[in-house]
């Protein structure tokens, strides 16, 4: 692929406020793994920012009549996607090497909506599907500093119902795509991770092909690259704690109003139960 030779990166997938930042810091605590700040420049956020992503570039180069695939003999879609994958790999492997690491991983929450693109770039990539109870995700999202959230390529108001709708749609979408494309992935429940980190992480690292190291059990003891921005909720929540903490589990049982419960039963209970959660 590049001078790194890496063709099996790791992608953390999960709806925002699902614990993806915690898992990112856990992976980044391993002496061989680099998992830096979010990389929306790969798939984009679908909201007009960043103005252009590599997914947009690939779509233009491979499909537009002014792109090289249509306009030049000998240039194929496969070549275009291989070169974009090489570009991504060179950038992130350079960052990994600068940190003294051997392999890179990425945690960009919106990636869960664009898995076919990532799978096409890196057919041997390993995906971690991190799931948190959708009711807690929606509560946490609605309480965040964001006025809007991104869903279906547009910005929509940040409300409990919109956040819950996004949680259902993105998890349902990945479940279907993972089956259709036979994507190698590891399903991990956030609630299990924070209650039994060693028990949950040891088989995960075996799946990733990475040797076990106890340092991943204390991600707060390692230094991590961060983006200092007030709207980066995941990093703010991570550093508000000093250890892997299960205290915020199942807030929905006390925080949801009767109307929210009623709407949740209609909107999300089928997905919640299928993914292993109790009905509302």
Protein backbone atom coordinates (compact mmCIF):
# COMPACT_ATOMS: atom_id res chain seq x y z
CA UNK A 1 0.00 0.00 0.00
CA UNK A 2 2.68 2.48 1.03
CA UNK A 3 6.07 2.31 2.60
CA UNK A 4 4.23 1.27 5.78
CA UNK A 5 2.83 -1.82 4.07
CA UNK A 6 -0.32 -1.44 6.18
CA UNK A 7 -3.45 -2.79 4.56
CA UNK A 8 -5.39 -3.67 7.70
CA UNK A 9 -6.21 -0.47 9.59
CA UNK A 10 -8.78 -0.37 12.38
CA UNK A 11 -11.95 1.70 12.25
CA UNK A 12 -14.06 2.41 15.33
CA UNK A 13 -17.70 2.77 14.32
CA UNK A 14 -20.43 4.16 16.52
CA UNK A 15 -23.08 6.84 16.66
CA UNK A 16 -21.79 9.98 18.43
CA UNK A 17 -22.07 9.80 22.24
CA UNK A 18 -21.70 6.00 22.19
CA UNK A 19 -18.32 5.88 23.94
CA UNK A 20 -16.20 5.98 20.80
CA UNK A 21 -13.77 8.48 22.32
CA UNK A 22 -13.17 6.21 25.31
CA UNK A 23 -12.47 3.29 22.98
CA UNK A 24 -10.22 5.51 20.88
CA UNK A 25 -8.15 6.39 23.96
CA UNK A 26 -8.03 2.72 24.98
CA UNK A 27 -6.60 1.70 21.61
CA UNK A 28 -4.23 4.67 21.60
CA UNK A 29 -2.88 3.54 24.98
CA UNK A 30 -1.45 0.40 23.40
CA UNK A 31 2.27 0.78 22.61
CA UNK A 32 1.75 -0.47 19.04
CA UNK A 33 -1.46 1.39 18.11
CA UNK A 34 -2.03 5.00 17.13
CA UNK A 35 -5.58 6.32 17.20
CA UNK A 36 -5.57 10.09 16.86
CA UNK A 37 -8.26 12.78 16.66
CA UNK A 38 -11.22 12.41 14.34
CA UNK A 39 -10.50 12.49 10.60
CA UNK A 40 -13.61 13.91 8.89
CA UNK A 41 -11.49 14.64 5.84
CA UNK A 42 -11.77 10.93 4.91
CA UNK A 43 -15.55 10.42 4.68
CA UNK A 44 -16.85 13.92 5.43
CA UNK A 45 -19.63 14.83 7.84
CA UNK A 46 -22.36 15.40 5.28
CA UNK A 47 -22.98 18.93 6.52
CA UNK A 48 -20.84 21.01 4.18
CA UNK A 49 -17.86 20.77 6.53
CA UNK A 50 -15.20 19.95 5.73
CA UNK A 51 -15.96 21.46 2.29
CA UNK A 52 -14.45 18.47 0.53
CA UNK A 53 -13.65 14.96 1.74
CA UNK A 54 -11.74 12.17 0.09
CA UNK A 55 -15.06 10.39 -0.38
CA UNK A 56 -16.25 13.37 -2.43
CA UNK A 57 -13.00 13.37 -4.39
CA UNK A 58 -13.31 9.64 -5.13
CA UNK A 59 -16.89 10.05 -6.29
CA UNK A 60 -15.88 12.85 -8.68
CA UNK A 61 -12.74 11.19 -10.02
CA UNK A 62 -14.41 7.83 -10.58
CA UNK A 63 -17.87 8.89 -11.71
CA UNK A 64 -18.02 12.42 -13.11
CA UNK A 65 -17.72 12.95 -16.85
CA UNK A 66 -14.84 15.36 -16.22
CA UNK A 67 -13.06 12.86 -13.98
CA UNK A 68 -10.08 10.80 -15.16
CA UNK A 69 -11.93 7.47 -15.23
CA UNK A 70 -14.33 8.81 -17.86
CA UNK A 71 -11.82 11.03 -19.61
CA UNK A 72 -8.57 9.08 -19.71
CA UNK A 73 -7.77 5.68 -21.16
CA UNK A 74 -6.15 3.27 -18.73
CA UNK A 75 -7.45 4.95 -15.56
CA UNK A 76 -9.90 2.72 -13.70
CA UNK A 77 -12.06 3.09 -10.61
CA UNK A 78 -9.88 0.49 -8.92
CA UNK A 79 -6.79 2.61 -9.56
CA UNK A 80 -8.45 5.75 -8.18
CA UNK A 81 -9.59 4.06 -4.98
CA UNK A 82 -6.22 2.35 -4.51
CA UNK A 83 -4.42 5.69 -4.77
CA UNK A 84 -6.79 7.35 -2.29
CA UNK A 85 -6.26 4.46 0.12
CA UNK A 86 -2.50 4.85 -0.31
CA UNK A 87 -2.82 8.57 0.48
CA UNK A 88 -4.85 7.96 3.66
CA UNK A 89 -2.43 5.26 4.75
CA UNK A 90 0.65 7.44 4.21
CA UNK A 91 -0.80 10.30 6.26
CA UNK A 92 -1.99 8.22 9.20
CA UNK A 93 0.98 5.90 9.21
CA UNK A 94 3.26 8.96 9.30
CA UNK A 95 1.38 10.13 12.39
CA UNK A 96 1.64 6.67 13.91
CA UNK A 97 5.36 6.50 13.23
CA UNK A 98 5.88 9.96 14.77
CA UNK A 99 4.21 8.61 17.91
CA UNK A 100 6.44 5.53 17.89
CA UNK A 101 3.55 3.25 16.88
CA UNK A 102 3.32 0.53 14.24
CA UNK A 103 -0.34 0.55 13.21
CA UNK A 104 -3.05 3.18 12.92
CA UNK A 105 -6.71 3.26 13.80
CA UNK A 106 -9.39 5.86 13.19
CA UNK A 107 -12.35 7.04 15.24
CA UNK A 108 -14.65 9.33 13.29
CA UNK A 109 -18.27 8.73 14.35
CA UNK A 110 -19.81 9.62 10.98
CA UNK A 111 -17.81 6.77 9.42
CA UNK A 112 -20.57 4.36 10.44
CA UNK A 113 -22.72 5.90 7.70
CA UNK A 114 -20.09 5.35 4.98
CA UNK A 115 -18.71 1.88 5.66
CA UNK A 116 -18.91 0.65 2.03
CA UNK A 117 -16.50 3.44 1.04
CA UNK A 118 -14.02 2.53 3.80
CA UNK A 119 -14.35 -1.17 3.01
CA UNK A 120 -13.59 -0.45 -0.64
CA UNK A 121 -10.49 1.52 0.31
CA UNK A 122 -9.28 -1.08 2.81
CA UNK A 123 -10.81 -4.52 2.14
CA UNK A 124 -8.76 -6.05 4.98
CA UNK A 125 -9.61 -3.39 7.55
CA UNK A 126 -10.99 -4.42 10.92
CA UNK A 127 -14.11 -2.65 12.15
CA UNK A 128 -15.21 -2.28 15.76
CA UNK A 129 -18.96 -1.69 16.06
CA UNK A 130 -19.46 0.05 19.39
CA UNK A 131 -23.07 0.25 20.53
CA UNK A 132 -24.53 2.11 23.48
CA UNK A 133 -28.15 2.04 24.60
CA UNK A 134 -29.86 4.38 22.13
CA UNK A 135 -31.91 6.05 24.83
CA UNK A 136 -28.77 7.08 26.71
CA UNK A 137 -27.16 8.16 23.43
CA UNK A 138 -30.13 10.39 22.63
CA UNK A 139 -30.19 11.90 26.13
CA UNK A 140 -26.45 12.61 26.00
CA UNK A 141 -26.67 14.05 22.48
CA UNK A 142 -29.55 16.37 23.30
CA UNK A 143 -27.66 17.64 26.36
CA UNK A 144 -24.52 18.45 24.34
CA UNK A 145 -23.49 21.93 23.23
CA UNK A 146 -24.49 21.31 19.62
CA UNK A 147 -27.49 23.20 18.22
CA UNK A 148 -27.64 20.78 15.29
CA UNK A 149 -26.57 17.23 14.47
CA UNK A 150 -25.77 15.69 11.10
CA UNK A 151 -28.08 13.06 9.63
CA UNK A 152 -28.77 12.02 6.02
CA UNK A 153 -26.31 14.54 4.60
CA UNK A 154 -27.87 17.54 6.31
CA UNK A 155 -27.96 19.43 9.60
CA UNK A 156 -31.06 18.93 11.72
CA UNK A 157 -32.01 20.33 15.15
CA UNK A 158 -30.39 18.56 18.08
CA UNK A 159 -33.35 17.01 19.89
CA UNK A 160 -33.87 13.75 21.73
CA UNK A 161 -36.12 12.41 18.97
CA UNK A 162 -33.73 13.33 16.15
CA UNK A 163 -30.77 11.81 17.98
CA UNK A 164 -32.73 8.62 18.61
CA UNK A 165 -33.82 8.44 14.98
CA UNK A 166 -30.18 8.75 13.88
CA UNK A 167 -29.10 6.04 16.34
CA UNK A 168 -31.65 3.63 14.94
CA UNK A 169 -30.92 4.42 11.30
CA UNK A 170 -27.13 4.24 11.48
CA UNK A 171 -27.01 1.03 13.51
CA UNK A 172 -29.63 -0.64 11.31
CA UNK A 173 -27.71 0.48 8.24
CA UNK A 174 -24.39 -0.90 9.44
CA UNK A 175 -25.93 -4.19 10.50
CA UNK A 176 -27.34 -4.66 7.01
CA UNK A 177 -24.18 -3.54 5.20
CA UNK A 178 -21.91 -5.68 7.35
CA UNK A 179 -23.93 -8.72 6.35
CA UNK A 180 -24.20 -7.85 2.67
CA UNK A 181 -20.51 -7.00 2.25
CA UNK A 182 -19.21 -9.63 4.70
CA UNK A 183 -17.28 -6.99 6.62
CA UNK A 184 -15.02 -8.33 9.41
CA UNK A 185 -16.21 -6.57 12.54
CA UNK A 186 -16.42 -6.94 16.30
CA UNK A 187 -19.63 -6.00 18.07
CA UNK A 188 -19.03 -4.40 21.46
CA UNK A 189 -21.60 -3.01 23.86
CA UNK A 190 -20.49 0.11 25.71
CA UNK A 191 -22.21 -1.08 28.88
CA UNK A 192 -20.17 -4.29 28.87
CA UNK A 193 -16.96 -2.39 28.13
CA UNK A 194 -17.18 -0.04 31.11
CA UNK A 195 -18.35 -2.73 33.54
CA UNK A 196 -15.87 -5.43 32.54
CA UNK A 197 -13.07 -3.80 30.53
CA UNK A 198 -10.54 -6.62 30.74
CA UNK A 199 -13.06 -9.31 29.86
CA UNK A 200 -14.33 -7.32 26.87
CA UNK A 201 -11.01 -6.01 25.59
CA UNK A 202 -8.94 -9.19 25.58
CA UNK A 203 -10.98 -10.93 22.85
CA UNK A 204 -11.25 -7.63 20.97
CA UNK A 205 -7.48 -7.27 20.77
CA UNK A 206 -7.22 -10.89 19.67
CA UNK A 207 -9.66 -10.11 16.86
CA UNK A 208 -7.54 -7.11 15.89
CA UNK A 209 -4.40 -9.23 15.82
CA UNK A 210 -2.75 -7.08 18.48
CA UNK A 211 -0.91 -8.49 21.49
CA UNK A 212 -2.39 -7.81 24.89
CA UNK A 213 -0.98 -5.00 27.03
CA UNK A 214 -2.36 -4.01 30.43
CA UNK A 215 -1.84 -0.32 29.64
CA UNK A 216 -5.09 -0.32 27.68
CA UNK A 217 -6.98 -0.77 30.97
CA UNK A 218 -5.91 2.69 32.12
CA UNK A 219 -6.17 5.07 29.14
CA UNK A 220 -5.96 8.03 31.53
CA UNK A 221 -2.33 7.18 32.28
CA UNK A 222 -1.24 7.73 28.65
CA UNK A 223 -0.83 10.92 26.68
CA UNK A 224 -3.09 11.35 23.64
CA UNK A 225 -3.29 13.80 20.78
CA UNK A 226 -6.39 15.94 21.22
CA UNK A 227 -8.21 18.76 19.48
CA UNK A 228 -8.78 21.71 21.79
CA UNK A 229 -12.26 22.75 20.74
CA UNK A 230 -15.30 23.41 22.97
CA UNK A 231 -17.60 21.43 20.67
CA UNK A 232 -15.55 18.20 20.91
CA UNK A 233 -17.82 16.56 23.46
CA UNK A 234 -16.10 13.18 23.52
CA UNK A 235 -12.74 14.49 24.68
CA UNK A 236 -14.36 16.78 27.24
CA UNK A 237 -16.32 13.85 28.68
CA UNK A 238 -13.26 11.61 28.68
CA UNK A 239 -11.10 14.05 30.65
CA UNK A 240 -13.92 14.77 33.09
CA UNK A 241 -13.19 11.33 34.54
CA UNK A 242 -10.07 9.66 35.87
CA UNK A 243 -10.92 6.01 35.18
CA UNK A 244 -13.21 3.82 33.10
CA UNK A 245 -16.48 4.58 34.84
CA UNK A 246 -19.87 2.80 34.59
CA UNK A 247 -21.76 5.43 36.60
CA UNK A 248 -23.59 6.94 33.61
CA UNK A 249 -25.27 3.73 32.47
CA UNK A 250 -29.01 3.55 31.81
CA UNK A 251 -29.81 7.15 32.66
CA UNK A 252 -32.91 6.78 30.52
CA UNK A 253 -34.64 4.84 33.30
CA UNK A 254 -34.83 7.99 35.43
CA UNK A 255 -34.47 10.79 32.89
CA UNK A 256 -37.04 10.01 30.19
CA UNK A 257 -40.43 11.66 30.35
CA UNK A 258 -43.56 9.62 29.71
CA UNK A 259 -43.86 11.21 26.26
CA UNK A 260 -40.26 10.34 25.38
CA UNK A 261 -40.87 6.78 26.53
CA UNK A 262 -43.92 6.53 24.34
CA UNK A 263 -42.05 7.84 21.30
CA UNK A 264 -39.07 5.60 22.03
CA UNK A 265 -41.24 2.48 22.06
CA UNK A 266 -42.51 3.38 18.60
CA UNK A 267 -39.21 4.57 17.12
CA UNK A 268 -36.52 2.40 18.63
CA UNK A 269 -37.68 -0.58 20.68
CA UNK A 270 -37.38 -3.06 17.80
CA UNK A 271 -33.74 -2.10 17.23
CA UNK A 272 -32.97 -1.87 20.95
CA UNK A 273 -34.25 -5.38 21.62
CA UNK A 274 -32.51 -6.84 18.56
CA UNK A 275 -29.18 -5.37 19.71
CA UNK A 276 -29.53 -6.81 23.21
CA UNK A 277 -31.28 -4.13 25.28
CA UNK A 278 -34.48 -4.30 27.30
CA UNK A 279 -37.59 -2.67 25.84
CA UNK A 280 -38.63 0.75 27.02
